[in-house]
Amino acid sequence: MKPDWGSWLLAGFAATLLLTTIEAGSQQARLTRMSIPYLLGSMFTAGRERAKLVGFVVHLVNGQIFALVYVALFHAWGAAGPWRGLLLGVIHAAVVLLLVMPLLPSLHPRMASEEQGPTVTRQLEPPGPLALHYGASTPFFVLLGHAAYGLVLGALYKLPGA
């Protein structure tokens, strides 16, 4: 069964917008110091303001790509829905916190590492285990954002013929 491309685009955009809003809101409320647009954008440019814009665009594109992965899993299961999406979102958050964040210093050209402190080019603080270097509540907001992403995606995506 082929995906419903319009449903994928709409659901993916809405879910990504909510995830980004939760992440940005928690940072602006000073509940976490993590800025996903800045972290992503600074991989591509050293300019701080430009990095935020570039990162925001990269995050929106990533949201659509991950939405396609979720949609493929919905099709493999033969059903979508908010609870299935929520489950995928929680798994997604666990992968981000347990695998991606610890590997980020080895991928990011401007991030210091746990083993080697800041240098002239590597000045960003590494996230540390569970991204806790960005604040004690960071794992909670990563989990909340990804769970909301999955829930909205599962609720809005309609399998063709369903």
N, C-alpha and C. Protein backbone atom coordinates (compact mmCIF):
# COMPACT_ATOMS: atom_id res chain seq x y z
N MET A 1 0.84 -1.17 0.00
CA MET A 1 0.00 0.00 0.00
C MET A 1 0.89 1.24 0.00
N LYS A 2 0.60 2.17 -0.90
CA LYS A 2 1.39 3.39 -1.02
C LYS A 2 0.96 4.42 0.03
N PRO A 3 1.92 5.20 0.53
CA PRO A 3 1.56 6.24 1.51
C PRO A 3 0.68 7.32 0.90
N ASP A 4 -0.10 7.96 1.73
CA ASP A 4 -0.88 9.13 1.34
C ASP A 4 0.06 10.33 1.53
N TRP A 5 0.62 10.82 0.43
CA TRP A 5 1.66 11.85 0.51
C TRP A 5 1.15 13.15 1.13
N GLY A 6 -0.07 13.54 0.81
CA GLY A 6 -0.64 14.75 1.39
C GLY A 6 -0.81 14.63 2.90
N SER A 7 -1.30 13.47 3.33
CA SER A 7 -1.48 13.23 4.76
C SER A 7 -0.13 13.21 5.47
N TRP A 8 0.87 12.59 4.82
CA TRP A 8 2.22 12.56 5.40
C TRP A 8 2.78 13.96 5.57
N LEU A 9 2.66 14.80 4.51
CA LEU A 9 3.20 16.16 4.59
C LEU A 9 2.51 16.97 5.68
N LEU A 10 1.19 16.90 5.74
CA LEU A 10 0.44 17.67 6.74
C LEU A 10 0.74 17.18 8.15
N ALA A 11 0.66 15.87 8.36
CA ALA A 11 0.90 15.30 9.69
C ALA A 11 2.34 15.54 10.13
N GLY A 12 3.28 15.36 9.21
CA GLY A 12 4.69 15.58 9.53
C GLY A 12 4.98 17.02 9.89
N PHE A 13 4.39 17.95 9.14
CA PHE A 13 4.61 19.36 9.42
C PHE A 13 4.00 19.75 10.77
N ALA A 14 2.77 19.33 11.02
CA ALA A 14 2.11 19.66 12.29
C ALA A 14 2.88 19.07 13.48
N ALA A 15 3.31 17.83 13.35
CA ALA A 15 4.05 17.17 14.43
C ALA A 15 5.39 17.86 14.67
N THR A 16 6.09 18.21 13.59
CA THR A 16 7.38 18.88 13.72
C THR A 16 7.22 20.26 14.33
N LEU A 17 6.18 20.96 13.94
CA LEU A 17 5.91 22.28 14.50
C LEU A 17 5.67 22.20 16.01
N LEU A 18 4.91 21.19 16.44
CA LEU A 18 4.66 21.02 17.87
C LEU A 18 5.95 20.66 18.61
N LEU A 19 6.71 19.72 18.09
CA LEU A 19 7.99 19.34 18.71
C LEU A 19 8.91 20.55 18.84
N THR A 20 9.02 21.32 17.78
CA THR A 20 9.89 22.50 17.79
C THR A 20 9.39 23.54 18.79
N THR A 21 8.08 23.70 18.88
CA THR A 21 7.50 24.65 19.83
C THR A 21 7.78 24.23 21.27
N ILE A 22 7.65 22.95 21.57
CA ILE A 22 7.95 22.45 22.91
C ILE A 22 9.43 22.66 23.24
N GLU A 23 10.30 22.34 22.30
CA GLU A 23 11.73 22.52 22.53
C GLU A 23 12.10 23.99 22.70
N ALA A 24 11.59 24.84 21.81
CA ALA A 24 11.90 26.28 21.89
C ALA A 24 11.29 26.90 23.13
N GLY A 25 10.06 26.51 23.45
CA GLY A 25 9.39 27.05 24.63
C GLY A 25 10.11 26.69 25.92
N SER A 26 10.57 25.45 26.01
CA SER A 26 11.28 25.03 27.22
C SER A 26 12.61 25.76 27.34
N GLN A 27 13.25 26.05 26.21
CA GLN A 27 14.50 26.80 26.26
C GLN A 27 14.24 28.26 26.63
N GLN A 28 13.23 28.87 26.03
CA GLN A 28 12.93 30.27 26.32
C GLN A 28 12.44 30.47 27.75
N ALA A 29 11.81 29.44 28.32
CA ALA A 29 11.38 29.51 29.72
C ALA A 29 12.52 29.16 30.67
N ARG A 30 13.70 28.93 30.10
CA ARG A 30 14.92 28.60 30.86
C ARG A 30 14.78 27.28 31.65
N LEU A 31 14.03 26.35 31.06
CA LEU A 31 13.89 25.03 31.66
C LEU A 31 14.94 24.07 31.10
N THR A 32 15.54 24.45 29.99
CA THR A 32 16.65 23.72 29.39
C THR A 32 17.51 24.73 28.63
N ARG A 33 18.77 24.40 28.44
CA ARG A 33 19.66 25.28 27.66
C ARG A 33 19.85 24.75 26.24
N MET A 34 19.18 23.65 25.92
CA MET A 34 19.38 23.05 24.61
C MET A 34 18.55 23.76 23.54
N SER A 35 19.22 24.17 22.47
CA SER A 35 18.55 24.76 21.31
C SER A 35 18.84 23.86 20.11
N ILE A 36 17.86 23.07 19.73
CA ILE A 36 18.05 22.17 18.59
C ILE A 36 18.38 22.93 17.31
N PRO A 37 17.65 24.02 16.98
CA PRO A 37 18.03 24.75 15.76
C PRO A 37 19.48 25.24 15.80
N TYR A 38 19.93 25.71 16.95
CA TYR A 38 21.32 26.19 17.03
C TYR A 38 22.31 25.02 16.92
N LEU A 39 22.03 23.92 17.62
CA LEU A 39 22.93 22.76 17.55
C LEU A 39 23.05 22.25 16.11
N LEU A 40 21.91 22.13 15.43
CA LEU A 40 21.94 21.64 14.05
C LEU A 40 22.59 22.65 13.11
N GLY A 41 22.19 23.89 13.21
CA GLY A 41 22.71 24.92 12.30
C GLY A 41 24.18 25.18 12.45
N SER A 42 24.68 25.10 13.68
CA SER A 42 26.10 25.36 13.90
C SER A 42 26.98 24.25 13.34
N MET A 43 26.37 23.15 12.92
CA MET A 43 27.14 22.12 12.21
C MET A 43 27.51 22.61 10.81
N PHE A 44 26.72 23.56 10.28
CA PHE A 44 26.89 24.02 8.91
C PHE A 44 27.51 25.40 8.79
N THR A 45 27.38 26.23 9.84
CA THR A 45 27.91 27.59 9.79
C THR A 45 28.37 28.03 11.18
N ALA A 46 29.41 28.86 11.20
CA ALA A 46 29.93 29.36 12.48
C ALA A 46 29.17 30.59 12.97
N GLY A 47 28.43 31.25 12.09
CA GLY A 47 27.67 32.44 12.47
C GLY A 47 26.48 32.08 13.35
N ARG A 48 26.42 32.65 14.55
CA ARG A 48 25.39 32.27 15.52
C ARG A 48 23.96 32.52 15.02
N GLU A 49 23.69 33.71 14.51
CA GLU A 49 22.33 34.03 14.06
C GLU A 49 21.95 33.20 12.83
N ARG A 50 22.88 33.07 11.90
CA ARG A 50 22.61 32.26 10.71
C ARG A 50 22.42 30.79 11.11
N ALA A 51 23.17 30.33 12.11
CA ALA A 51 23.05 28.94 12.55
C ALA A 51 21.63 28.63 13.03
N LYS A 52 21.01 29.56 13.72
CA LYS A 52 19.65 29.33 14.21
C LYS A 52 18.67 29.16 13.05
N LEU A 53 18.80 29.99 12.03
CA LEU A 53 17.92 29.90 10.87
C LEU A 53 18.18 28.62 10.09
N VAL A 54 19.44 28.34 9.82
CA VAL A 54 19.79 27.11 9.09
C VAL A 54 19.31 25.90 9.87
N GLY A 55 19.53 25.90 11.18
CA GLY A 55 19.11 24.78 12.01
C GLY A 55 17.61 24.59 12.05
N PHE A 56 16.87 25.69 12.04
CA PHE A 56 15.41 25.59 12.02
C PHE A 56 14.94 24.90 10.74
N VAL A 57 15.52 25.29 9.61
CA VAL A 57 15.16 24.67 8.33
C VAL A 57 15.56 23.19 8.33
N VAL A 58 16.77 22.89 8.80
CA VAL A 58 17.22 21.49 8.88
C VAL A 58 16.29 20.68 9.78
N HIS A 59 15.86 21.27 10.89
CA HIS A 59 14.96 20.57 11.81
C HIS A 59 13.61 20.29 11.16
N LEU A 60 13.09 21.24 10.39
CA LEU A 60 11.82 21.00 9.68
C LEU A 60 11.97 19.88 8.65
N VAL A 61 13.08 19.88 7.92
CA VAL A 61 13.33 18.82 6.94
C VAL A 61 13.48 17.47 7.64
N ASN A 62 14.25 17.45 8.74
CA ASN A 62 14.41 16.20 9.50
C ASN A 62 13.07 15.69 10.01
N GLY A 63 12.21 16.62 10.44
CA GLY A 63 10.89 16.23 10.92
C GLY A 63 10.09 15.52 9.85
N GLN A 64 10.19 15.99 8.61
CA GLN A 64 9.47 15.34 7.51
C GLN A 64 10.09 13.98 7.18
N ILE A 65 11.41 13.89 7.24
CA ILE A 65 12.07 12.61 6.97
C ILE A 65 11.67 11.59 8.03
N PHE A 66 11.72 11.98 9.30
CA PHE A 66 11.32 11.06 10.36
C PHE A 66 9.84 10.71 10.27
N ALA A 67 9.02 11.66 9.82
CA ALA A 67 7.60 11.37 9.63
C ALA A 67 7.42 10.25 8.60
N LEU A 68 8.26 10.25 7.58
CA LEU A 68 8.19 9.19 6.57
C LEU A 68 8.54 7.83 7.18
N VAL A 69 9.50 7.81 8.10
CA VAL A 69 9.85 6.56 8.79
C VAL A 69 8.66 6.09 9.63
N TYR A 70 8.04 7.00 10.36
CA TYR A 70 6.86 6.65 11.16
C TYR A 70 5.76 6.10 10.25
N VAL A 71 5.51 6.79 9.12
CA VAL A 71 4.47 6.37 8.18
C VAL A 71 4.77 4.97 7.65
N ALA A 72 6.03 4.69 7.33
CA ALA A 72 6.40 3.35 6.86
C ALA A 72 6.08 2.30 7.93
N LEU A 73 6.33 2.64 9.19
CA LEU A 73 6.01 1.70 10.27
C LEU A 73 4.50 1.55 10.44
N PHE A 74 3.75 2.64 10.30
CA PHE A 74 2.29 2.54 10.36
C PHE A 74 1.79 1.60 9.26
N HIS A 75 2.35 1.72 8.07
CA HIS A 75 1.94 0.85 6.97
C HIS A 75 2.34 -0.60 7.24
N ALA A 76 3.51 -0.81 7.80
CA ALA A 76 3.94 -2.17 8.13
C ALA A 76 3.01 -2.80 9.17
N TRP A 77 2.52 -1.98 10.10
CA TRP A 77 1.59 -2.47 11.13
C TRP A 77 0.16 -2.57 10.60
N GLY A 78 -0.11 -1.90 9.49
CA GLY A 78 -1.46 -1.90 8.95
C GLY A 78 -2.40 -0.94 9.66
N ALA A 79 -1.87 -0.09 10.51
CA ALA A 79 -2.70 0.88 11.24
C ALA A 79 -1.84 2.01 11.77
N ALA A 80 -2.45 3.20 11.82
CA ALA A 80 -1.82 4.35 12.47
C ALA A 80 -2.63 4.62 13.73
N GLY A 81 -2.44 5.75 14.33
CA GLY A 81 -3.21 6.12 15.51
C GLY A 81 -2.34 6.81 16.54
N PRO A 82 -2.96 7.58 17.41
CA PRO A 82 -2.18 8.34 18.39
C PRO A 82 -1.35 7.48 19.33
N TRP A 83 -1.86 6.33 19.74
CA TRP A 83 -1.10 5.49 20.68
C TRP A 83 0.11 4.85 20.02
N ARG A 84 -0.06 4.44 18.77
CA ARG A 84 1.09 3.89 18.03
C ARG A 84 2.14 4.98 17.80
N GLY A 85 1.67 6.17 17.46
CA GLY A 85 2.57 7.30 17.28
C GLY A 85 3.29 7.66 18.56
N LEU A 86 2.56 7.65 19.67
CA LEU A 86 3.15 7.95 20.98
C LEU A 86 4.26 6.95 21.30
N LEU A 87 3.99 5.67 21.06
CA LEU A 87 5.00 4.64 21.30
C LEU A 87 6.26 4.90 20.47
N LEU A 88 6.07 5.21 19.18
CA LEU A 88 7.23 5.51 18.33
C LEU A 88 7.96 6.76 18.81
N GLY A 89 7.21 7.76 19.27
CA GLY A 89 7.83 8.99 19.78
C GLY A 89 8.68 8.74 21.01
N VAL A 90 8.21 7.88 21.90
CA VAL A 90 8.98 7.55 23.11
C VAL A 90 10.26 6.79 22.72
N ILE A 91 10.13 5.86 21.78
CA ILE A 91 11.32 5.13 21.30
C ILE A 91 12.29 6.10 20.63
N HIS A 92 11.76 7.01 19.83
CA HIS A 92 12.57 8.02 19.15
C HIS A 92 13.34 8.86 20.17
N ALA A 93 12.66 9.30 21.23
CA ALA A 93 13.31 10.11 22.28
C ALA A 93 14.41 9.31 22.96
N ALA A 94 14.15 8.04 23.22
CA ALA A 94 15.17 7.19 23.87
C ALA A 94 16.41 7.08 22.99
N VAL A 95 16.22 6.92 21.69
CA VAL A 95 17.36 6.84 20.76
C VAL A 95 18.13 8.16 20.75
N VAL A 96 17.40 9.27 20.73
CA VAL A 96 18.05 10.59 20.74
C VAL A 96 18.88 10.76 22.01
N LEU A 97 18.28 10.46 23.15
CA LEU A 97 18.96 10.70 24.43
C LEU A 97 20.09 9.71 24.71
N LEU A 98 19.89 8.45 24.34
CA LEU A 98 20.86 7.41 24.70
C LEU A 98 21.93 7.17 23.63
N LEU A 99 21.64 7.48 22.37
CA LEU A 99 22.61 7.22 21.30
C LEU A 99 23.09 8.49 20.59
N VAL A 100 22.17 9.33 20.16
CA VAL A 100 22.55 10.49 19.35
C VAL A 100 23.32 11.51 20.18
N MET A 101 22.79 11.88 21.33
CA MET A 101 23.44 12.91 22.15
C MET A 101 24.87 12.53 22.55
N PRO A 102 25.11 11.31 23.01
CA PRO A 102 26.50 10.95 23.34
C PRO A 102 27.44 10.95 22.12
N LEU A 103 26.90 10.68 20.93
CA LEU A 103 27.73 10.67 19.72
C LEU A 103 27.92 12.05 19.10
N LEU A 104 27.11 13.00 19.51
CA LEU A 104 27.13 14.33 18.88
C LEU A 104 28.51 14.99 18.85
N PRO A 105 29.31 14.94 19.92
CA PRO A 105 30.63 15.59 19.85
C PRO A 105 31.53 15.02 18.75
N SER A 106 31.37 13.75 18.41
CA SER A 106 32.21 13.17 17.35
C SER A 106 31.70 13.55 15.96
N LEU A 107 30.46 14.02 15.87
CA LEU A 107 29.88 14.41 14.58
C LEU A 107 29.90 15.91 14.35
N HIS A 108 29.88 16.67 15.42
CA HIS A 108 29.72 18.13 15.33
C HIS A 108 31.08 18.82 15.26
N PRO A 109 31.34 19.60 14.20
CA PRO A 109 32.66 20.21 14.03
C PRO A 109 32.96 21.34 15.01
N ARG A 110 31.96 21.83 15.74
CA ARG A 110 32.18 22.95 16.65
C ARG A 110 31.89 22.60 18.11
N MET A 111 31.84 21.31 18.42
CA MET A 111 31.50 20.89 19.77
C MET A 111 32.70 20.24 20.46
N ALA A 112 32.96 20.69 21.68
CA ALA A 112 33.99 20.05 22.50
C ALA A 112 33.49 18.65 22.85
N SER A 113 34.36 17.83 23.44
CA SER A 113 33.95 16.48 23.82
C SER A 113 34.18 16.29 25.31
N GLU A 114 33.69 15.17 25.81
CA GLU A 114 33.90 14.84 27.22
C GLU A 114 35.39 14.62 27.51
N GLU A 115 36.11 14.10 26.51
CA GLU A 115 37.51 13.77 26.69
C GLU A 115 38.44 14.96 26.46
N GLN A 116 38.02 15.89 25.62
CA GLN A 116 38.86 17.04 25.30
C GLN A 116 38.01 18.31 25.41
N GLY A 117 38.49 19.24 26.18
CA GLY A 117 37.75 20.48 26.41
C GLY A 117 37.71 21.37 25.19
N PRO A 118 37.25 22.60 25.37
CA PRO A 118 37.10 23.53 24.26
C PRO A 118 38.43 23.87 23.60
N THR A 119 38.35 24.11 22.30
CA THR A 119 39.49 24.60 21.53
C THR A 119 39.00 25.86 20.79
N VAL A 120 39.83 26.41 19.94
CA VAL A 120 39.45 27.61 19.20
C VAL A 120 38.21 27.34 18.34
N THR A 121 38.14 26.17 17.71
CA THR A 121 37.00 25.86 16.84
C THR A 121 35.91 25.05 17.54
N ARG A 122 36.27 24.29 18.54
CA ARG A 122 35.28 23.45 19.24
C ARG A 122 34.93 24.07 20.58
N GLN A 123 33.91 24.93 20.58
CA GLN A 123 33.56 25.66 21.79
C GLN A 123 32.21 25.29 22.37
N LEU A 124 31.36 24.62 21.62
CA LEU A 124 30.05 24.25 22.15
C LEU A 124 30.18 23.17 23.21
N GLU A 125 29.39 23.30 24.25
CA GLU A 125 29.41 22.32 25.32
C GLU A 125 28.77 21.02 24.83
N PRO A 126 29.40 19.87 25.11
CA PRO A 126 28.78 18.60 24.71
C PRO A 126 27.54 18.33 25.57
N PRO A 127 26.57 17.59 25.03
CA PRO A 127 25.33 17.37 25.78
C PRO A 127 25.51 16.49 27.01
N GLY A 128 26.48 15.59 26.98
CA GLY A 128 26.65 14.68 28.11
C GLY A 128 25.59 13.59 28.12
N PRO A 129 25.65 12.72 29.13
CA PRO A 129 24.68 11.63 29.21
C PRO A 129 23.26 12.18 29.32
N LEU A 130 22.36 11.66 28.49
CA LEU A 130 20.95 12.08 28.47
C LEU A 130 20.79 13.59 28.24
N ALA A 131 21.80 14.23 27.70
CA ALA A 131 21.80 15.69 27.45
C ALA A 131 21.68 16.49 28.74
N LEU A 132 22.13 15.92 29.85
CA LEU A 132 21.99 16.57 31.16
C LEU A 132 22.88 17.80 31.32
N HIS A 133 23.91 17.94 30.48
CA HIS A 133 24.74 19.16 30.56
C HIS A 133 23.94 20.39 30.17
N TYR A 134 22.80 20.19 29.53
CA TYR A 134 21.95 21.31 29.11
C TYR A 134 20.83 21.58 30.12
N GLY A 135 20.89 20.92 31.26
CA GLY A 135 19.91 21.15 32.31
C GLY A 135 19.24 19.86 32.75
N ALA A 136 18.88 19.81 34.03
CA ALA A 136 18.30 18.59 34.60
C ALA A 136 16.95 18.23 33.96
N SER A 137 16.22 19.21 33.47
CA SER A 137 14.92 18.91 32.87
C SER A 137 14.99 18.64 31.37
N THR A 138 16.17 18.72 30.79
CA THR A 138 16.30 18.51 29.34
C THR A 138 15.78 17.15 28.90
N PRO A 139 16.13 16.04 29.56
CA PRO A 139 15.59 14.75 29.11
C PRO A 139 14.05 14.72 29.11
N PHE A 140 13.44 15.35 30.12
CA PHE A 140 11.98 15.39 30.18
C PHE A 140 11.40 16.09 28.96
N PHE A 141 11.98 17.24 28.59
CA PHE A 141 11.43 17.99 27.46
C PHE A 141 11.74 17.32 26.12
N VAL A 142 12.86 16.61 26.02
CA VAL A 142 13.13 15.82 24.82
C VAL A 142 12.08 14.71 24.70
N LEU A 143 11.81 14.04 25.80
CA LEU A 143 10.79 12.98 25.81
C LEU A 143 9.41 13.55 25.51
N LEU A 144 9.04 14.64 26.16
CA LEU A 144 7.73 15.26 25.94
C LEU A 144 7.57 15.69 24.47
N GLY A 145 8.58 16.34 23.93
CA GLY A 145 8.50 16.80 22.54
C GLY A 145 8.36 15.67 21.55
N HIS A 146 9.15 14.61 21.72
CA HIS A 146 9.09 13.49 20.79
C HIS A 146 7.81 12.67 20.97
N ALA A 147 7.35 12.54 22.20
CA ALA A 147 6.08 11.84 22.45
C ALA A 147 4.93 12.61 21.79
N ALA A 148 4.94 13.93 21.93
CA ALA A 148 3.90 14.76 21.30
C ALA A 148 3.99 14.66 19.78
N TYR A 149 5.21 14.65 19.25
CA TYR A 149 5.43 14.50 17.81
C TYR A 149 4.76 13.21 17.32
N GLY A 150 5.08 12.11 17.97
CA GLY A 150 4.52 10.82 17.57
C GLY A 150 3.01 10.77 17.72
N LEU A 151 2.50 11.30 18.81
CA LEU A 151 1.06 11.30 19.07
C LEU A 151 0.32 12.07 17.97
N VAL A 152 0.79 13.27 17.66
CA VAL A 152 0.15 14.09 16.63
C VAL A 152 0.28 13.43 15.26
N LEU A 153 1.44 12.91 14.96
CA LEU A 153 1.65 12.26 13.67
C LEU A 153 0.71 11.06 13.53
N GLY A 154 0.64 10.24 14.56
CA GLY A 154 -0.24 9.08 14.53
C GLY A 154 -1.71 9.45 14.44
N ALA A 155 -2.08 10.54 15.10
CA ALA A 155 -3.48 10.98 15.09
C ALA A 155 -3.87 11.57 13.73
N LEU A 156 -2.96 12.29 13.09
CA LEU A 156 -3.30 12.99 11.84
C LEU A 156 -3.08 12.17 10.58
N TYR A 157 -2.12 11.24 10.60
CA TYR A 157 -1.86 10.47 9.39
C TYR A 157 -2.97 9.45 9.16
N LYS A 158 -3.47 9.44 7.95
CA LYS A 158 -4.53 8.50 7.59
C LYS A 158 -4.01 7.51 6.56
N LEU A 159 -4.08 6.23 6.92
CA LEU A 159 -3.70 5.21 5.96
C LEU A 159 -4.70 5.23 4.80
N PRO A 160 -4.22 5.10 3.56
CA PRO A 160 -5.15 5.05 2.43
C PRO A 160 -6.15 3.90 2.60
N GLY A 161 -7.39 4.20 2.36
CA GLY A 161 -8.44 3.19 2.48
C GLY A 161 -8.95 2.99 3.89
N ALA A 162 -8.39 3.73 4.85
CA ALA A 162 -8.83 3.55 6.25
C ALA A 162 -9.99 4.48 6.57
